[in-house]
Amino acid sequence: MVKDSCCREYWQRTEVDVDRHLIVFDKPLSDEYGSISDEDIVNEYVADLSVSSPLSTDKPLWKIHQLMAYRCIIFRLHHSFRDGISLMSMLLVLPEKMTKD
């Protein structure tokens, strides 16, 4: 979303560079978080994401973090991306779609 000279916000069509939005960790994160359970490591990672930095406004407002060692995908989306119900519907269908392909 961008602002015009009167400070009105509007959507601007853009090309998406997936490499700027997809973050993949192939190895366990235990070096950063110590010897806690896998579930606690993922929870700490998500907690760090929520307070570490806002989404960058110089690109579309979403990121996907893939933690391969924990078989986990974290979607980080700006609230303007979708309303709560339609977003949850989309996210709940994704695992089903991913396993069928």
PDB file of N, CA and C in Angstrom:
ATOM      1  N   MET A   1       0.849  -1.159   0.000  1.00  0.00           N
ATOM      2  CA  MET A   1       0.000   0.000   0.000  1.00  0.00           C
ATOM      3  C   MET A   1       0.904   1.235   0.000  1.00  0.00           C
ATOM      4  N   VAL A   2       0.515   2.221  -0.776  1.00  0.00           N
ATOM      5  CA  VAL A   2       1.279   3.469  -0.867  1.00  0.00           C
ATOM      6  C   VAL A   2       0.349   4.645  -0.623  1.00  0.00           C
ATOM      7  N   LYS A   3       0.951   5.806  -0.394  1.00  0.00           N
ATOM      8  CA  LYS A   3       0.159   7.018  -0.163  1.00  0.00           C
ATOM      9  C   LYS A   3       0.383   7.994  -1.307  1.00  0.00           C
ATOM     10  N   ASP A   4      -0.695   8.687  -1.688  1.00  0.00           N
ATOM     11  CA  ASP A   4      -0.558   9.730  -2.707  1.00  0.00           C
ATOM     12  C   ASP A   4      -0.221  11.051  -2.022  1.00  0.00           C
ATOM     13  N   SER A   5      -0.193  12.137  -2.780  1.00  0.00           N
ATOM     14  CA  SER A   5       0.207  13.436  -2.238  1.00  0.00           C
ATOM     15  C   SER A   5      -0.767  13.967  -1.182  1.00  0.00           C
ATOM     16  N   CYS A   6      -1.993  13.455  -1.167  1.00  0.00           N
ATOM     17  CA  CYS A   6      -2.989  13.862  -0.160  1.00  0.00           C
ATOM     18  C   CYS A   6      -3.048  12.864   1.003  1.00  0.00           C
ATOM     19  N   CYS A   7      -2.057  11.985   1.076  1.00  0.00           N
ATOM     20  CA  CYS A   7      -1.957  10.977   2.136  1.00  0.00           C
ATOM     21  C   CYS A   7      -3.072   9.934   2.096  1.00  0.00           C
ATOM     22  N   ARG A   8      -3.718   9.758   0.941  1.00  0.00           N
ATOM     23  CA  ARG A   8      -4.691   8.675   0.783  1.00  0.00           C
ATOM     24  C   ARG A   8      -3.931   7.402   0.409  1.00  0.00           C
ATOM     25  N   GLU A   9      -4.284   6.321   1.064  1.00  0.00           N
ATOM     26  CA  GLU A   9      -3.616   5.059   0.785  1.00  0.00           C
ATOM     27  C   GLU A   9      -4.336   4.306  -0.323  1.00  0.00           C
ATOM     28  N   TYR A  10      -3.561   3.623  -1.145  1.00  0.00           N
ATOM     29  CA  TYR A  10      -4.142   2.795  -2.200  1.00  0.00           C
ATOM     30  C   TYR A  10      -3.184   1.647  -2.505  1.00  0.00           C
ATOM     31  N   TRP A  11      -3.742   0.593  -3.089  1.00  0.00           N
ATOM     32  CA  TRP A  11      -2.929  -0.568  -3.445  1.00  0.00           C
ATOM     33  C   TRP A  11      -2.192  -0.303  -4.742  1.00  0.00           C
ATOM     34  N   GLN A  12      -0.962  -0.731  -4.805  1.00  0.00           N
ATOM     35  CA  GLN A  12      -0.167  -0.584  -6.014  1.00  0.00           C
ATOM     36  C   GLN A  12       0.223  -1.980  -6.499  1.00  0.00           C
ATOM     37  N   ARG A  13      -0.057  -2.254  -7.747  1.00  0.00           N
ATOM     38  CA  ARG A  13       0.319  -3.546  -8.329  1.00  0.00           C
ATOM     39  C   ARG A  13       1.846  -3.635  -8.364  1.00  0.00           C
ATOM     40  N   THR A  14       2.344  -4.814  -8.031  1.00  0.00           N
ATOM     41  CA  THR A  14       3.790  -4.998  -7.968  1.00  0.00           C
ATOM     42  C   THR A  14       4.171  -6.399  -8.410  1.00  0.00           C
ATOM     43  N   GLU A  15       5.389  -6.562  -8.817  1.00  0.00           N
ATOM     44  CA  GLU A  15       5.933  -7.877  -9.127  1.00  0.00           C
ATOM     45  C   GLU A  15       6.459  -8.477  -7.827  1.00  0.00           C
ATOM     46  N   VAL A  16       6.186  -9.744  -7.617  1.00  0.00           N
ATOM     47  CA  VAL A  16       6.614 -10.400  -6.388  1.00  0.00           C
ATOM     48  C   VAL A  16       7.891 -11.193  -6.641  1.00  0.00           C
ATOM     49  N   ASP A  17       8.901 -10.906  -5.839  1.00  0.00           N
ATOM     50  CA  ASP A  17      10.147 -11.671  -5.861  1.00  0.00           C
ATOM     51  C   ASP A  17      10.088 -12.623  -4.673  1.00  0.00           C
ATOM     52  N   VAL A  18       9.759 -13.884  -4.922  1.00  0.00           N
ATOM     53  CA  VAL A  18       9.536 -14.853  -3.856  1.00  0.00           C
ATOM     54  C   VAL A  18      10.754 -14.975  -2.944  1.00  0.00           C
ATOM     55  N   ASP A  19      11.944 -14.810  -3.480  1.00  0.00           N
ATOM     56  CA  ASP A  19      13.151 -14.917  -2.659  1.00  0.00           C
ATOM     57  C   ASP A  19      13.198 -13.869  -1.548  1.00  0.00           C
ATOM     58  N   ARG A  20      12.494 -12.757  -1.722  1.00  0.00           N
ATOM     59  CA  ARG A  20      12.452 -11.728  -0.680  1.00  0.00           C
ATOM     60  C   ARG A  20      11.388 -12.023   0.372  1.00  0.00           C
ATOM     61  N   HIS A  21      10.577 -13.046   0.144  1.00  0.00           N
ATOM     62  CA  HIS A  21       9.466 -13.351   1.045  1.00  0.00           C
ATOM     63  C   HIS A  21       9.580 -14.717   1.711  1.00  0.00           C
ATOM     64  N   LEU A  22      10.375 -15.595   1.168  1.00  0.00           N
ATOM     65  CA  LEU A  22      10.487 -16.954   1.681  1.00  0.00           C
ATOM     66  C   LEU A  22      11.809 -17.108   2.424  1.00  0.00           C
ATOM     67  N   ILE A  23      11.711 -17.494   3.692  1.00  0.00           N
ATOM     68  CA  ILE A  23      12.898 -17.698   4.522  1.00  0.00           C
ATOM     69  C   ILE A  23      12.906 -19.164   4.934  1.00  0.00           C
ATOM     70  N   VAL A  24      13.949 -19.889   4.552  1.00  0.00           N
ATOM     71  CA  VAL A  24      14.022 -21.321   4.819  1.00  0.00           C
ATOM     72  C   VAL A  24      15.206 -21.610   5.728  1.00  0.00           C
ATOM     73  N   PHE A  25      14.921 -22.315   6.828  1.00  0.00           N
ATOM     74  CA  PHE A  25      15.967 -22.805   7.722  1.00  0.00           C
ATOM     75  C   PHE A  25      16.017 -24.313   7.566  1.00  0.00           C
ATOM     76  N   ASP A  26      17.152 -24.820   7.059  1.00  0.00           N
ATOM     77  CA  ASP A  26      17.308 -26.261   6.857  1.00  0.00           C
ATOM     78  C   ASP A  26      17.738 -26.981   8.123  1.00  0.00           C
ATOM     79  N   LYS A  27      18.443 -26.275   8.999  1.00  0.00           N
ATOM     80  CA  LYS A  27      19.010 -26.896  10.195  1.00  0.00           C
ATOM     81  C   LYS A  27      18.228 -26.498  11.440  1.00  0.00           C
ATOM     82  N   PRO A  28      18.340 -27.301  12.501  1.00  0.00           N
ATOM     83  CA  PRO A  28      17.664 -26.957  13.761  1.00  0.00           C
ATOM     84  C   PRO A  28      18.141 -25.616  14.315  1.00  0.00           C
ATOM     85  N   LEU A  29      17.294 -24.964  15.047  1.00  0.00           N
ATOM     86  CA  LEU A  29      17.615 -23.662  15.642  1.00  0.00           C
ATOM     87  C   LEU A  29      18.092 -23.800  17.083  1.00  0.00           C
ATOM     88  N   SER A  30      18.470 -24.994  17.491  1.00  0.00           N
ATOM     89  CA  SER A  30      18.835 -25.232  18.884  1.00  0.00           C
ATOM     90  C   SER A  30      20.057 -24.418  19.316  1.00  0.00           C
ATOM     91  N   ASP A  31      20.947 -24.045  18.390  1.00  0.00           N
ATOM     92  CA  ASP A  31      22.099 -23.218  18.758  1.00  0.00           C
ATOM     93  C   ASP A  31      21.657 -21.850  19.273  1.00  0.00           C
ATOM     94  N   GLU A  32      20.592 -21.310  18.692  1.00  0.00           N
ATOM     95  CA  GLU A  32      20.105 -19.989  19.090  1.00  0.00           C
ATOM     96  C   GLU A  32      19.246 -20.035  20.344  1.00  0.00           C
ATOM     97  N   TYR A  33      18.517 -21.124  20.542  1.00  0.00           N
ATOM     98  CA  TYR A  33      17.542 -21.185  21.628  1.00  0.00           C
ATOM     99  C   TYR A  33      17.905 -22.165  22.738  1.00  0.00           C
ATOM    100  N   GLY A  34      19.024 -22.830  22.629  1.00  0.00           N
ATOM    101  CA  GLY A  34      19.444 -23.738  23.691  1.00  0.00           C
ATOM    102  C   GLY A  34      18.773 -25.093  23.611  1.00  0.00           C
ATOM    103  N   SER A  35      18.845 -25.822  24.694  1.00  0.00           N
ATOM    104  CA  SER A  35      18.349 -27.203  24.701  1.00  0.00           C
ATOM    105  C   SER A  35      16.940 -27.283  25.278  1.00  0.00           C
ATOM    106  N   ILE A  36      16.007 -26.631  24.610  1.00  0.00           N
ATOM    107  CA  ILE A  36      14.603 -26.727  24.991  1.00  0.00           C
ATOM    108  C   ILE A  36      13.883 -27.595  23.964  1.00  0.00           C
ATOM    109  N   SER A  37      12.654 -27.953  24.223  1.00  0.00           N
ATOM    110  CA  SER A  37      11.925 -28.847  23.316  1.00  0.00           C
ATOM    111  C   SER A  37      11.699 -28.187  21.954  1.00  0.00           C
ATOM    112  N   ASP A  38      11.454 -29.015  20.953  1.00  0.00           N
ATOM    113  CA  ASP A  38      11.194 -28.498  19.603  1.00  0.00           C
ATOM    114  C   ASP A  38       9.998 -27.548  19.598  1.00  0.00           C
ATOM    115  N   GLU A  39       8.942 -27.916  20.319  1.00  0.00           N
ATOM    116  CA  GLU A  39       7.762 -27.059  20.376  1.00  0.00           C
ATOM    117  C   GLU A  39       8.098 -25.701  20.988  1.00  0.00           C
ATOM    118  N   ASP A  40       8.908 -25.707  22.035  1.00  0.00           N
ATOM    119  CA  ASP A  40       9.305 -24.447  22.664  1.00  0.00           C
ATOM    120  C   ASP A  40      10.202 -23.614  21.749  1.00  0.00           C
ATOM    121  N   ILE A  41      11.044 -24.274  20.963  1.00  0.00           N
ATOM    122  CA  ILE A  41      11.894 -23.554  20.008  1.00  0.00           C
ATOM    123  C   ILE A  41      11.034 -22.831  18.981  1.00  0.00           C
ATOM    124  N   VAL A  42      10.039 -23.533  18.432  1.00  0.00           N
ATOM    125  CA  VAL A  42       9.148 -22.913  17.445  1.00  0.00           C
ATOM    126  C   VAL A  42       8.380 -21.759  18.088  1.00  0.00           C
ATOM    127  N   ASN A  43       7.889 -21.967  19.311  1.00  0.00           N
ATOM    128  CA  ASN A  43       7.172 -20.895  20.017  1.00  0.00           C
ATOM    129  C   ASN A  43       8.066 -19.680  20.248  1.00  0.00           C
ATOM    130  N   GLU A  44       9.310 -19.899  20.623  1.00  0.00           N
ATOM    131  CA  GLU A  44      10.250 -18.791  20.829  1.00  0.00           C
ATOM    132  C   GLU A  44      10.530 -18.061  19.510  1.00  0.00           C
ATOM    133  N   TYR A  45      10.666 -18.825  18.432  1.00  0.00           N
ATOM    134  CA  TYR A  45      10.913 -18.226  17.117  1.00  0.00           C
ATOM    135  C   TYR A  45       9.744 -17.323  16.718  1.00  0.00           C
ATOM    136  N   VAL A  46       8.521 -17.811  16.902  1.00  0.00           N
ATOM    137  CA  VAL A  46       7.338 -17.014  16.572  1.00  0.00           C
ATOM    138  C   VAL A  46       7.267 -15.781  17.474  1.00  0.00           C
ATOM    139  N   ALA A  47       7.560 -15.941  18.747  1.00  0.00           N
ATOM    140  CA  ALA A  47       7.548 -14.805  19.671  1.00  0.00           C
ATOM    141  C   ALA A  47       8.576 -13.757  19.245  1.00  0.00           C
ATOM    142  N   ASP A  48       9.758 -14.209  18.841  1.00  0.00           N
ATOM    143  CA  ASP A  48      10.783 -13.273  18.360  1.00  0.00           C
ATOM    144  C   ASP A  48      10.314 -12.526  17.119  1.00  0.00           C
ATOM    145  N   LEU A  49       9.642 -13.228  16.206  1.00  0.00           N
ATOM    146  CA  LEU A  49       9.123 -12.572  15.000  1.00  0.00           C
ATOM    147  C   LEU A  49       8.117 -11.482  15.340  1.00  0.00           C
ATOM    148  N   SER A  50       7.304 -11.746  16.347  1.00  0.00           N
ATOM    149  CA  SER A  50       6.228 -10.805  16.665  1.00  0.00           C
ATOM    150  C   SER A  50       6.732  -9.502  17.266  1.00  0.00           C
ATOM    151  N   VAL A  51       7.918  -9.500  17.850  1.00  0.00           N
ATOM    152  CA  VAL A  51       8.433  -8.278  18.474  1.00  0.00           C
ATOM    153  C   VAL A  51       9.712  -7.747  17.843  1.00  0.00           C
ATOM    154  N   SER A  52      10.335  -8.521  16.963  1.00  0.00           N
ATOM    155  CA  SER A  52      11.652  -8.139  16.450  1.00  0.00           C
ATOM    156  C   SER A  52      11.616  -6.980  15.465  1.00  0.00           C
ATOM    157  N   SER A  53      10.733  -7.060  14.486  1.00  0.00           N
ATOM    158  CA  SER A  53      10.708  -6.006  13.474  1.00  0.00           C
ATOM    159  C   SER A  53       9.381  -6.032  12.731  1.00  0.00           C
ATOM    160  N   PRO A  54       8.886  -4.867  12.339  1.00  0.00           N
ATOM    161  CA  PRO A  54       7.654  -4.843  11.548  1.00  0.00           C
ATOM    162  C   PRO A  54       7.928  -5.338  10.128  1.00  0.00           C
ATOM    163  N   LEU A  55       6.891  -5.707   9.436  1.00  0.00           N
ATOM    164  CA  LEU A  55       7.040  -6.083   8.030  1.00  0.00           C
ATOM    165  C   LEU A  55       7.518  -4.873   7.238  1.00  0.00           C
ATOM    166  N   SER A  56       8.411  -5.103   6.323  1.00  0.00           N
ATOM    167  CA  SER A  56       8.970  -4.026   5.511  1.00  0.00           C
ATOM    168  C   SER A  56       7.923  -3.500   4.532  1.00  0.00           C
ATOM    169  N   THR A  57       7.753  -2.191   4.476  1.00  0.00           N
ATOM    170  CA  THR A  57       6.755  -1.600   3.583  1.00  0.00           C
ATOM    171  C   THR A  57       7.285  -1.372   2.170  1.00  0.00           C
ATOM    172  N   ASP A  58       8.528  -1.735   1.903  1.00  0.00           N
ATOM    173  CA  ASP A  58       9.061  -1.567   0.551  1.00  0.00           C
ATOM    174  C   ASP A  58       8.767  -2.778  -0.346  1.00  0.00           C
ATOM    175  N   LYS A  59       8.009  -3.729   0.168  1.00  0.00           N
ATOM    176  CA  LYS A  59       7.608  -4.913  -0.593  1.00  0.00           C
ATOM    177  C   LYS A  59       6.256  -5.367  -0.062  1.00  0.00           C
ATOM    178  N   PRO A  60       5.580  -6.284  -0.769  1.00  0.00           N
ATOM    179  CA  PRO A  60       4.287  -6.763  -0.275  1.00  0.00           C
ATOM    180  C   PRO A  60       4.402  -7.271   1.169  1.00  0.00           C
ATOM    181  N   LEU A  61       3.336  -7.063   1.945  1.00  0.00           N
ATOM    182  CA  LEU A  61       3.375  -7.257   3.390  1.00  0.00           C
ATOM    183  C   LEU A  61       3.102  -8.702   3.819  1.00  0.00           C
ATOM    184  N   TRP A  62       3.975  -9.604   3.401  1.00  0.00           N
ATOM    185  CA  TRP A  62       3.873 -10.985   3.840  1.00  0.00           C
ATOM    186  C   TRP A  62       5.234 -11.664   3.754  1.00  0.00           C
ATOM    187  N   LYS A  63       5.428 -12.645   4.608  1.00  0.00           N
ATOM    188  CA  LYS A  63       6.623 -13.484   4.599  1.00  0.00           C
ATOM    189  C   LYS A  63       6.223 -14.886   5.008  1.00  0.00           C
ATOM    190  N   ILE A  64       6.958 -15.851   4.507  1.00  0.00           N
ATOM    191  CA  ILE A  64       6.768 -17.239   4.897  1.00  0.00           C
ATOM    192  C   ILE A  64       8.092 -17.752   5.444  1.00  0.00           C
ATOM    193  N   HIS A  65       8.057 -18.260   6.667  1.00  0.00           N
ATOM    194  CA  HIS A  65       9.240 -18.838   7.296  1.00  0.00           C
ATOM    195  C   HIS A  65       9.041 -20.347   7.327  1.00  0.00           C
ATOM    196  N   GLN A  66       9.965 -21.072   6.743  1.00  0.00           N
ATOM    197  CA  GLN A  66       9.872 -22.527   6.714  1.00  0.00           C
ATOM    198  C   GLN A  66      10.983 -23.097   7.592  1.00  0.00           C
ATOM    199  N   LEU A  67      10.600 -23.802   8.649  1.00  0.00           N
ATOM    200  CA  LEU A  67      11.556 -24.417   9.566  1.00  0.00           C
ATOM    201  C   LEU A  67      11.568 -25.914   9.275  1.00  0.00           C
ATOM    202  N   MET A  68      12.471 -26.319   8.412  1.00  0.00           N
ATOM    203  CA  MET A  68      12.489 -27.697   7.910  1.00  0.00           C
ATOM    204  C   MET A  68      12.685 -28.723   9.025  1.00  0.00           C
ATOM    205  N   ALA A  69      13.569 -28.462   9.972  1.00  0.00           N
ATOM    206  CA  ALA A  69      13.865 -29.430  11.033  1.00  0.00           C
ATOM    207  C   ALA A  69      12.656 -29.678  11.931  1.00  0.00           C
ATOM    208  N   TYR A  70      11.709 -28.734  11.940  1.00  0.00           N
ATOM    209  CA  TYR A  70      10.546 -28.845  12.817  1.00  0.00           C
ATOM    210  C   TYR A  70       9.256 -29.098  12.036  1.00  0.00           C
ATOM    211  N   ARG A  71       9.404 -29.281  10.726  1.00  0.00           N
ATOM    212  CA  ARG A  71       8.253 -29.512   9.836  1.00  0.00           C
ATOM    213  C   ARG A  71       7.178 -28.464  10.093  1.00  0.00           C
ATOM    214  N   CYS A  72       7.599 -27.215   9.974  1.00  0.00           N
ATOM    215  CA  CYS A  72       6.744 -26.103  10.365  1.00  0.00           C
ATOM    216  C   CYS A  72       6.840 -24.974   9.344  1.00  0.00           C
ATOM    217  N   ILE A  73       5.689 -24.383   9.027  1.00  0.00           N
ATOM    218  CA  ILE A  73       5.631 -23.207   8.165  1.00  0.00           C
ATOM    219  C   ILE A  73       4.921 -22.106   8.936  1.00  0.00           C
ATOM    220  N   ILE A  74       5.531 -20.938   8.965  1.00  0.00           N
ATOM    221  CA  ILE A  74       4.968 -19.794   9.674  1.00  0.00           C
ATOM    222  C   ILE A  74       4.640 -18.722   8.653  1.00  0.00           C
ATOM    223  N   PHE A  75       3.392 -18.312   8.621  1.00  0.00           N
ATOM    224  CA  PHE A  75       2.959 -17.250   7.728  1.00  0.00           C
ATOM    225  C   PHE A  75       2.916 -15.955   8.516  1.00  0.00           C
ATOM    226  N   ARG A  76       3.601 -14.961   8.027  1.00  0.00           N
ATOM    227  CA  ARG A  76       3.572 -13.653   8.668  1.00  0.00           C
ATOM    228  C   ARG A  76       2.920 -12.695   7.674  1.00  0.00           C
ATOM    229  N   LEU A  77       1.705 -12.258   8.007  1.00  0.00           N
ATOM    230  CA  LEU A  77       0.903 -11.457   7.092  1.00  0.00           C
ATOM    231  C   LEU A  77       0.420 -10.193   7.778  1.00  0.00           C
ATOM    232  N   HIS A  78       0.360  -9.119   7.038  1.00  0.00           N
ATOM    233  CA  HIS A  78      -0.238  -7.897   7.558  1.00  0.00           C
ATOM    234  C   HIS A  78      -1.745  -8.102   7.663  1.00  0.00           C
ATOM    235  N   HIS A  79      -2.365  -7.517   8.672  1.00  0.00           N
ATOM    236  CA  HIS A  79      -3.797  -7.732   8.891  1.00  0.00           C
ATOM    237  C   HIS A  79      -4.657  -7.230   7.732  1.00  0.00           C
ATOM    238  N   SER A  80      -4.145  -6.346   6.915  1.00  0.00           N
ATOM    239  CA  SER A  80      -4.922  -5.854   5.778  1.00  0.00           C
ATOM    240  C   SER A  80      -4.961  -6.859   4.625  1.00  0.00           C
ATOM    241  N   PHE A  81      -4.176  -7.903   4.737  1.00  0.00           N
ATOM    242  CA  PHE A  81      -4.086  -8.896   3.675  1.00  0.00           C
ATOM    243  C   PHE A  81      -5.433  -9.554   3.414  1.00  0.00           C
ATOM    244  N   ARG A  82      -6.126  -9.938   4.465  1.00  0.00           N
ATOM    245  CA  ARG A  82      -7.446 -10.558   4.371  1.00  0.00           C
ATOM    246  C   ARG A  82      -8.146 -10.366   5.703  1.00  0.00           C
ATOM    247  N   ASP A  83      -9.458 -10.553   5.709  1.00  0.00           N
ATOM    248  CA  ASP A  83     -10.143 -10.502   6.999  1.00  0.00           C
ATOM    249  C   ASP A  83      -9.914 -11.829   7.725  1.00  0.00           C
ATOM    250  N   GLY A  84     -10.157 -11.850   9.008  1.00  0.00           N
ATOM    251  CA  GLY A  84      -9.828 -13.001   9.845  1.00  0.00           C
ATOM    252  C   GLY A  84     -10.423 -14.311   9.398  1.00  0.00           C
ATOM    253  N   ILE A  85     -11.705 -14.329   9.065  1.00  0.00           N
ATOM    254  CA  ILE A  85     -12.375 -15.585   8.712  1.00  0.00           C
ATOM    255  C   ILE A  85     -11.864 -16.124   7.378  1.00  0.00           C
ATOM    256  N   SER A  86     -11.746 -15.280   6.368  1.00  0.00           N
ATOM    257  CA  SER A  86     -11.286 -15.783   5.068  1.00  0.00           C
ATOM    258  C   SER A  86      -9.813 -16.184   5.123  1.00  0.00           C
ATOM    259  N   LEU A  87      -9.020 -15.478   5.933  1.00  0.00           N
ATOM    260  CA  LEU A  87      -7.607 -15.842   6.077  1.00  0.00           C
ATOM    261  C   LEU A  87      -7.486 -17.209   6.752  1.00  0.00           C
ATOM    262  N   MET A  88      -8.224 -17.425   7.833  1.00  0.00           N
ATOM    263  CA  MET A  88      -8.163 -18.719   8.517  1.00  0.00           C
ATOM    264  C   MET A  88      -8.661 -19.835   7.602  1.00  0.00           C
ATOM    265  N   SER A  89      -9.685 -19.579   6.813  1.00  0.00           N
ATOM    266  CA  SER A  89     -10.179 -20.586   5.863  1.00  0.00           C
ATOM    267  C   SER A  89      -9.084 -20.957   4.870  1.00  0.00           C
ATOM    268  N   MET A  90      -8.382 -19.955   4.363  1.00  0.00           N
ATOM    269  CA  MET A  90      -7.302 -20.208   3.411  1.00  0.00           C
ATOM    270  C   MET A  90      -6.182 -21.009   4.061  1.00  0.00           C
ATOM    271  N   LEU A  91      -5.765 -20.624   5.263  1.00  0.00           N
ATOM    272  CA  LEU A  91      -4.655 -21.301   5.930  1.00  0.00           C
ATOM    273  C   LEU A  91      -5.015 -22.733   6.332  1.00  0.00           C
ATOM    274  N   LEU A  92      -6.266 -22.976   6.683  1.00  0.00           N
ATOM    275  CA  LEU A  92      -6.675 -24.324   7.058  1.00  0.00           C
ATOM    276  C   LEU A  92      -6.728 -25.274   5.863  1.00  0.00           C
ATOM    277  N   VAL A  93      -6.957 -24.743   4.669  1.00  0.00           N
ATOM    278  CA  VAL A  93      -7.018 -25.573   3.466  1.00  0.00           C
ATOM    279  C   VAL A  93      -5.613 -25.870   2.919  1.00  0.00           C
ATOM    280  N   LEU A  94      -4.649 -25.033   3.203  1.00  0.00           N
ATOM    281  CA  LEU A  94      -3.309 -25.202   2.635  1.00  0.00           C
ATOM    282  C   LEU A  94      -2.678 -26.566   2.902  1.00  0.00           C
ATOM    283  N   PRO A  95      -2.660 -27.074   4.133  1.00  0.00           N
ATOM    284  CA  PRO A  95      -2.018 -28.395   4.336  1.00  0.00           C
ATOM    285  C   PRO A  95      -2.649 -29.496   3.485  1.00  0.00           C
ATOM    286  N   GLU A  96      -3.970 -29.454   3.356  1.00  0.00           N
ATOM    287  CA  GLU A  96      -4.670 -30.441   2.529  1.00  0.00           C
ATOM    288  C   GLU A  96      -4.232 -30.326   1.077  1.00  0.00           C
ATOM    289  N   LYS A  97      -4.154 -29.104   0.560  1.00  0.00           N
ATOM    290  CA  LYS A  97      -3.741 -28.894  -0.827  1.00  0.00           C
ATOM    291  C   LYS A  97      -2.286 -29.300  -1.032  1.00  0.00           C
ATOM    292  N   MET A  98      -1.430 -29.015  -0.053  1.00  0.00           N
ATOM    293  CA  MET A  98      -0.006 -29.314  -0.191  1.00  0.00           C
ATOM    294  C   MET A  98       0.261 -30.814  -0.202  1.00  0.00           C
ATOM    295  N   THR A  99      -0.503 -31.593   0.530  1.00  0.00           N
ATOM    296  CA  THR A  99      -0.279 -33.030   0.565  1.00  0.00           C
ATOM    297  C   THR A  99      -0.851 -33.750  -0.654  1.00  0.00           C
ATOM    298  N   LYS A 100      -1.802 -33.131  -1.342  1.00  0.00           N
ATOM    299  CA  LYS A 100      -2.384 -33.740  -2.542  1.00  0.00           C
ATOM    300  C   LYS A 100      -1.488 -33.564  -3.761  1.00  0.00           C
ATOM    301  N   ASP A 101      -0.665 -32.551  -3.769  1.00  0.00           N
ATOM    302  CA  ASP A 101       0.188 -32.272  -4.956  1.00  0.00           C
ATOM    303  C   ASP A 101       1.462 -33.070  -4.944  1.00  0.00           C
TER     304      ASP A 101
END
